C-alpha atoms as a PDB file:
ATOM      1  CA  MET A   1    -222.579 -92.696  15.161  1.00  0.00           C
ATOM      2  CA  ALA A   2    -220.765 -92.136  11.887  1.00  0.00           C
ATOM      3  CA  ALA A   3    -218.627 -94.333   9.682  1.00  0.00           C
ATOM      4  CA  ALA A   4    -216.325 -93.802   6.739  1.00  0.00           C
ATOM      5  CA  VAL A   5    -215.438 -96.604   4.349  1.00  0.00           C
ATOM      6  CA  ILE A   6    -212.985 -96.889   1.478  1.00  0.00           C
ATOM      7  CA  LEU A   7    -213.913 -99.846  -0.721  1.00  0.00           C
ATOM      8  CA  PRO A   8    -211.535-101.547  -3.152  1.00  0.00           C
ATOM      9  CA  ASP A   9    -212.343-101.267  -6.857  1.00  0.00           C
ATOM     10  CA  TRP A  10    -213.116-104.984  -7.085  1.00  0.00           C
ATOM     11  CA  PHE A  11    -215.722-104.986  -4.295  1.00  0.00           C
ATOM     12  CA  GLU A  12    -219.030-106.491  -5.485  1.00  0.00           C
ATOM     13  CA  VAL A  13    -221.740-103.984  -4.572  1.00  0.00           C
ATOM     14  CA  GLU A  14    -224.793-105.683  -6.089  1.00  0.00           C
ATOM     15  CA  GLY A  15    -227.452-105.576  -3.349  1.00  0.00           C
ATOM     16  CA  LEU A  16    -225.617-103.084  -1.135  1.00  0.00           C
ATOM     17  CA  ASP A  17    -228.043-100.303  -0.258  1.00  0.00           C
ATOM     18  CA  ASP A  18    -228.943 -97.689   2.305  1.00  0.00           C
ATOM     19  CA  SER A  19    -228.906 -99.458   5.684  1.00  0.00           C
ATOM     20  CA  LYS A  20    -232.517 -98.429   6.326  1.00  0.00           C
ATOM     21  CA  LEU A  21    -233.610-100.402   3.242  1.00  0.00           C
ATOM     22  CA  LEU A  22    -231.881-103.620   4.326  1.00  0.00           C
ATOM     23  CA  THR A  23    -233.138-106.162   6.832  1.00  0.00           C
ATOM     24  CA  PRO A  24    -231.134-106.651  10.046  1.00  0.00           C
ATOM     25  CA  LEU A  25    -229.756-109.927   8.669  1.00  0.00           C
ATOM     26  CA  GLN A  26    -228.748-108.289   5.372  1.00  0.00           C
ATOM     27  CA  ARG A  27    -227.016-105.496   7.294  1.00  0.00           C
ATOM     28  CA  GLU A  28    -225.051-108.019   9.356  1.00  0.00           C
ATOM     29  CA  VAL A  29    -223.963-109.913   6.222  1.00  0.00           C
ATOM     30  CA  TRP A  30    -222.901-106.681   4.486  1.00  0.00           C
ATOM     31  CA  PHE A  31    -221.149-105.506   7.647  1.00  0.00           C
ATOM     32  CA  GLY A  32    -218.983-108.641   7.616  1.00  0.00           C
ATOM     33  CA  ARG A  33    -218.228-108.326   3.898  1.00  0.00           C
ATOM     34  CA  ILE A  34    -217.323-104.657   4.250  1.00  0.00           C
ATOM     35  CA  GLN A  35    -215.083-105.256   7.273  1.00  0.00           C
ATOM     36  CA  GLU A  36    -213.276-108.065   5.440  1.00  0.00           C
ATOM     37  CA  ALA A  37    -212.727-106.282   2.140  1.00  0.00           C
ATOM     38  CA  ALA A  38    -212.500-102.558   2.855  1.00  0.00           C
ATOM     39  CA  VAL A  39    -209.270-100.696   2.296  1.00  0.00           C
ATOM     40  CA  SER A  40    -210.091 -98.710   5.438  1.00  0.00           C
ATOM     41  CA  VAL A  41    -213.001 -98.370   7.857  1.00  0.00           C
ATOM     42  CA  ALA A  42    -213.430 -95.876  10.675  1.00  0.00           C
ATOM     43  CA  VAL A  43    -216.282 -95.450  13.123  1.00  0.00           C
ATOM     44  CA  ARG A  44    -216.786 -92.636  15.601  1.00  0.00           C
ATOM     45  CA  ARG A  45    -219.566 -91.597  17.911  1.00  0.00           C
ATOM     46  CA  VAL A  46    -220.555 -88.468  19.710  1.00  0.00           C
ATOM     47  CA  PHE A  47    -221.937 -88.590  23.233  1.00  0.00           C
ATOM     48  CA  PRO A  48    -225.332 -87.151  24.207  1.00  0.00           C
ATOM     49  CA  GLY A  49    -223.887 -84.400  26.400  1.00  0.00           C
ATOM     50  CA  ARG A  50    -221.839 -83.014  23.526  1.00  0.00           C
ATOM     51  CA  ILE A  51    -224.878 -83.038  21.238  1.00  0.00           C
ATOM     52  CA  ASP A  52    -226.862 -81.233  23.925  1.00  0.00           C
ATOM     53  CA  ARG A  53    -224.144 -78.557  24.236  1.00  0.00           C
ATOM     54  CA  ARG A  54    -223.294 -78.079  20.542  1.00  0.00           C
ATOM     55  CA  GLY A  55    -226.514 -79.058  18.795  1.00  0.00           C
ATOM     56  CA  LEU A  56    -227.184 -82.040  16.542  1.00  0.00           C
ATOM     57  CA  HIS A  57    -226.202 -80.480  13.212  1.00  0.00           C
ATOM     58  CA  VAL A  58    -222.893 -79.028  14.436  1.00  0.00           C
ATOM     59  CA  SER A  59    -222.130 -82.318  16.202  1.00  0.00           C
ATOM     60  CA  ASN A  60    -222.887 -84.317  13.042  1.00  0.00           C
ATOM     61  CA  LEU A  61    -220.570 -82.154  10.926  1.00  0.00           C
ATOM     62  CA  ALA A  62    -217.736 -82.439  13.454  1.00  0.00           C
ATOM     63  CA  LEU A  63    -218.318 -86.194  13.700  1.00  0.00           C
ATOM     64  CA  LEU A  64    -218.178 -86.655   9.927  1.00  0.00           C
ATOM     65  CA  LYS A  65    -214.902 -84.743   9.710  1.00  0.00           C
ATOM     66  CA  ALA A  66    -213.487 -86.773  12.617  1.00  0.00           C
ATOM     67  CA  VAL A  67    -214.410 -90.110  11.076  1.00  0.00           C
ATOM     68  CA  VAL A  68    -212.762 -89.171   7.762  1.00  0.00           C
ATOM     69  CA  ARG A  69    -209.602 -88.129   9.640  1.00  0.00           C
ATOM     70  CA  ALA A  70    -209.676 -91.467  11.506  1.00  0.00           C
ATOM     71  CA  LEU A  71    -209.326 -93.518   8.323  1.00  0.00           C
ATOM     72  CA  GLU A  72    -205.946 -95.287   8.255  1.00  0.00           C
ATOM     73  CA  VAL A  73    -205.718 -94.650   4.519  1.00  0.00           C
ATOM     74  CA  LYS A  74    -206.198 -91.061   3.398  1.00  0.00           C
ATOM     75  CA  PRO A  75    -209.000 -90.910   0.838  1.00  0.00           C
ATOM     76  CA  GLU A  76    -208.467 -89.204  -2.504  1.00  0.00           C
ATOM     77  CA  PHE A  77    -212.016 -87.882  -2.509  1.00  0.00           C
ATOM     78  CA  VAL A  78    -214.790 -87.824   0.112  1.00  0.00           C
ATOM     79  CA  LEU A  79    -218.471 -88.406  -0.608  1.00  0.00           C
ATOM     80  CA  THR A  80    -220.997 -87.576   2.112  1.00  0.00           C
ATOM     81  CA  ASP A  81    -224.667 -88.341   2.486  1.00  0.00           C
ATOM     82  CA  GLY A  82    -226.057 -84.861   2.023  1.00  0.00           C
ATOM     83  CA  PHE A  83    -223.740 -83.036   4.431  1.00  0.00           C
ATOM     84  CA  HIS A  84    -221.421 -80.358   3.048  1.00  0.00           C
ATOM     85  CA  LEU A  85    -218.240 -80.364   5.113  1.00  0.00           C
ATOM     86  CA  SER A  86    -216.925 -76.822   5.002  1.00  0.00           C
ATOM     87  CA  GLY A  87    -213.302 -76.593   6.038  1.00  0.00           C
ATOM     88  CA  MET A  88    -212.552 -80.129   4.879  1.00  0.00           C
ATOM     89  CA  ARG A  89    -209.043 -80.144   3.430  1.00  0.00           C
ATOM     90  CA  LEU A  90    -209.797 -83.028   1.097  1.00  0.00           C
ATOM     91  CA  PRO A  91    -211.820 -82.698  -2.083  1.00  0.00           C
ATOM     92  CA  HIS A  92    -215.363 -83.693  -1.266  1.00  0.00           C
ATOM     93  CA  LEU A  93    -218.892 -83.749  -2.562  1.00  0.00           C
ATOM     94  CA  SER A  94    -222.199 -83.813  -0.731  1.00  0.00           C
ATOM     95  CA  VAL A  95    -224.506 -86.307  -2.461  1.00  0.00           C
ATOM     96  CA  LYS A  96    -228.217 -86.087  -1.748  1.00  0.00           C
ATOM     97  CA  LYS A  97    -229.427 -89.620  -0.908  1.00  0.00           C
ATOM     98  CA  GLY A  98    -225.789 -90.710  -1.105  1.00  0.00           C
ATOM     99  CA  ASP A  99    -226.484 -93.921   0.783  1.00  0.00           C
ATOM    100  CA  VAL A 100    -228.761 -95.000  -2.090  1.00  0.00           C
ATOM    101  CA  ILE A 101    -226.566 -93.694  -4.916  1.00  0.00           C
ATOM    102  CA  THR A 102    -222.954 -94.510  -3.988  1.00  0.00           C
ATOM    103  CA  ALA A 103    -221.540 -97.791  -2.695  1.00  0.00           C
ATOM    104  CA  SER A 104    -219.027 -96.243  -0.304  1.00  0.00           C
ATOM    105  CA  VAL A 105    -221.705 -94.115   1.376  1.00  0.00           C
ATOM    106  CA  ALA A 106    -224.055 -97.116   1.539  1.00  0.00           C
ATOM    107  CA  ALA A 107    -221.238 -99.169   3.077  1.00  0.00           C
ATOM    108  CA  ALA A 108    -220.597 -96.453   5.659  1.00  0.00           C
ATOM    109  CA  SER A 109    -224.342 -96.377   6.373  1.00  0.00           C
ATOM    110  CA  VAL A 110    -224.344-100.130   7.042  1.00  0.00           C
ATOM    111  CA  VAL A 111    -221.260 -99.999   9.260  1.00  0.00           C
ATOM    112  CA  ALA A 112    -222.648 -97.090  11.288  1.00  0.00           C
ATOM    113  CA  LYS A 113    -226.101 -98.691  11.659  1.00  0.00           C
ATOM    114  CA  VAL A 114    -224.819-102.121  12.694  1.00  0.00           C
ATOM    115  CA  THR A 115    -222.364-100.548  15.149  1.00  0.00           C
ATOM    116  CA  ARG A 116    -225.120 -98.346  16.581  1.00  0.00           C
ATOM    117  CA  ASP A 117    -227.572-101.246  16.875  1.00  0.00           C
ATOM    118  CA  ARG A 118    -224.973-103.299  18.743  1.00  0.00           C
ATOM    119  CA  MET A 119    -224.355-100.343  21.040  1.00  0.00           C
ATOM    120  CA  MET A 120    -228.111-100.032  21.663  1.00  0.00           C
ATOM    121  CA  ASP A 121    -228.212-103.750  22.543  1.00  0.00           C
ATOM    122  CA  ARG A 122    -225.513-103.103  25.165  1.00  0.00           C
ATOM    123  CA  TYR A 123    -227.499-100.150  26.479  1.00  0.00           C
ATOM    124  CA  HIS A 124    -230.575-102.366  26.635  1.00  0.00           C
ATOM    125  CA  ARG A 125    -228.739-104.761  28.949  1.00  0.00           C
ATOM    126  CA  ARG A 126    -227.858-101.804  31.193  1.00  0.00           C
ATOM    127  CA  TYR A 127    -231.261-100.056  30.989  1.00  0.00           C
ATOM    128  CA  PRO A 128    -233.799-102.759  29.998  1.00  0.00           C
ATOM    129  CA  GLN A 129    -236.810-100.718  31.086  1.00  0.00           C
ATOM    130  CA  TYR A 130    -236.406 -98.434  28.043  1.00  0.00           C
ATOM    131  CA  GLY A 131    -236.660-101.150  25.374  1.00  0.00           C
ATOM    132  CA  PHE A 132    -233.601-100.010  23.409  1.00  0.00           C
ATOM    133  CA  ASP A 133    -233.426-103.474  21.800  1.00  0.00           C
ATOM    134  CA  ARG A 134    -236.745-102.767  20.063  1.00  0.00           C
ATOM    135  CA  HIS A 135    -236.800 -99.086  19.138  1.00  0.00           C
ATOM    136  CA  ARG A 136    -233.002 -98.564  19.028  1.00  0.00           C
ATOM    137  CA  GLY A 137    -233.324 -95.146  20.649  1.00  0.00           C
ATOM    138  CA  TYR A 138    -235.724 -93.667  18.133  1.00  0.00           C
ATOM    139  CA  GLY A 139    -238.618 -91.580  19.457  1.00  0.00           C
ATOM    140  CA  THR A 140    -241.344 -94.185  19.218  1.00  0.00           C
ATOM    141  CA  ARG A 141    -244.456 -94.092  21.345  1.00  0.00           C
ATOM    142  CA  GLY A 142    -243.131 -96.934  23.506  1.00  0.00           C
ATOM    143  CA  HIS A 143    -239.817 -95.158  24.018  1.00  0.00           C
ATOM    144  CA  ARG A 144    -241.531 -91.920  25.047  1.00  0.00           C
ATOM    145  CA  ALA A 145    -243.777 -93.876  27.402  1.00  0.00           C
ATOM    146  CA  ALA A 146    -240.698 -95.428  29.054  1.00  0.00           C
ATOM    147  CA  ILE A 147    -239.234 -91.961  29.550  1.00  0.00           C
ATOM    148  CA  ALA A 148    -242.555 -90.832  31.016  1.00  0.00           C
ATOM    149  CA  ARG A 149    -242.492 -93.760  33.421  1.00  0.00           C
ATOM    150  CA  PHE A 150    -238.797 -93.904  34.375  1.00  0.00           C
ATOM    151  CA  GLY A 151    -237.469 -90.462  33.451  1.00  0.00           C
ATOM    152  CA  PRO A 152    -234.525 -90.029  31.085  1.00  0.00           C
ATOM    153  CA  SER A 153    -231.521 -92.324  31.390  1.00  0.00           C
ATOM    154  CA  PRO A 154    -227.928 -91.059  31.388  1.00  0.00           C
ATOM    155  CA  ILE A 155    -227.721 -91.771  27.647  1.00  0.00           C
ATOM    156  CA  HIS A 156    -230.730 -89.712  26.622  1.00  0.00           C
ATOM    157  CA  ARG A 157    -230.125 -86.499  24.710  1.00  0.00           C
ATOM    158  CA  MET A 158    -231.925 -83.800  26.605  1.00  0.00           C
ATOM    159  CA  SER A 159    -232.048 -81.738  23.397  1.00  0.00           C
ATOM    160  CA  PHE A 160    -234.048 -84.487  21.653  1.00  0.00           C
ATOM    161  CA  LYS A 161    -237.455 -83.305  20.444  1.00  0.00           C
ATOM    162  CA  GLY A 162    -239.907 -83.571  23.309  1.00  0.00           C
ATOM    163  CA  MET A 163    -237.315 -83.716  26.075  1.00  0.00           C
ATOM    164  CA  ASP A 164    -237.660 -79.952  26.475  1.00  0.00           C
ATOM    165  CA  LEU A 165    -241.237 -80.624  27.579  1.00  0.00           C
ATOM    166  CA  TYR A 166    -240.037 -83.281  30.017  1.00  0.00           C
ATOM    167  CA  MET A 167    -237.488 -80.877  31.489  1.00  0.00           C
ATOM    168  CA  ALA A 168    -239.989 -78.008  31.740  1.00  0.00           C
ATOM    169  CA  ASP A 169    -242.976 -80.023  32.960  1.00  0.00           C
ATOM    170  CA  PRO A 170    -242.527 -83.757  33.636  1.00  0.00           C
ATOM    171  CA  GLU A 171    -246.215 -84.111  34.531  1.00  0.00           C
ATOM    172  CA  ALA A 172    -247.278 -82.704  31.147  1.00  0.00           C
ATOM    173  CA  TYR A 173    -244.861 -85.105  29.434  1.00  0.00           C
ATOM    174  CA  VAL A 174    -246.333 -88.042  31.361  1.00  0.00           C
ATOM    175  CA  ALA A 175    -249.857 -86.909  30.470  1.00  0.00           C
ATOM    176  CA  LEU A 176    -248.897 -86.678  26.797  1.00  0.00           C
ATOM    177  CA  TYR A 177    -246.779 -89.828  26.413  1.00  0.00           C
ATOM    178  CA  GLY A 178    -247.477 -91.994  29.449  1.00  0.00           C
ATOM    179  CA  GLY A 179    -250.978 -93.201  28.666  1.00  0.00           C
ATOM    180  CA  ASN A 180    -251.526 -96.965  28.402  1.00  0.00           C
ATOM    181  CA  GLY A 181    -247.877 -97.592  29.313  1.00  0.00           C
ATOM    182  CA  GLY A 182    -246.923 -96.775  25.745  1.00  0.00           C
ATOM    183  CA  ALA A 183    -248.703 -99.815  24.377  1.00  0.00           C
ATOM    184  CA  LEU A 184    -250.309 -99.469  20.974  1.00  0.00           C
ATOM    185  CA  PRO A 185    -253.928-100.578  20.488  1.00  0.00           C
ATOM    186  CA  ASP A 186    -252.767-104.054  19.414  1.00  0.00           C
ATOM    187  CA  GLY A 187    -250.791-104.395  22.656  1.00  0.00           C
ATOM    188  CA  SER A 188    -247.366-103.983  21.043  1.00  0.00           C
ATOM    189  CA  GLU A 189    -244.916-101.218  21.811  1.00  0.00           C
ATOM    190  CA  GLY A 190    -243.904 -98.639  19.247  1.00  0.00           C
END
């Protein structure tokens, strides 16, 4: 999932931060503010099969270029969160930790994260056994245990770290990740 956001000059950015540093409620509030005020917002996603075929890095670069092209208003300058976009026809700058340093990158981070979380909630309704509503698709112990128990779902990236082991030797994967049903010592899932 990637987003691009063009904010108006007057947009109040106090408190806007990298989506990972905000609570879910803060992200939802910022998402609404950004959607209301932004000059332009675009969101795009790439499907697991394409990532598996092209690789994550190549897919991310193509996705970032696509989301910039999808903006209804052409930006004068593009800032990215650490990705250099070679071949981009617009002036652009890769900013390390851009989602902490620049408001437009932070806003794009929030829009992408909220959109992705909502998508993972929909996937959870379709595939509840994987717990997507809790781990949001990240490779937690509980998520890996669900894969060990149920096998990968149609939305899993087979190129994701560890899935190569599942594909080569499902029994070894189950032995590694399937113990205790994925529960942590306190009984919770990771």
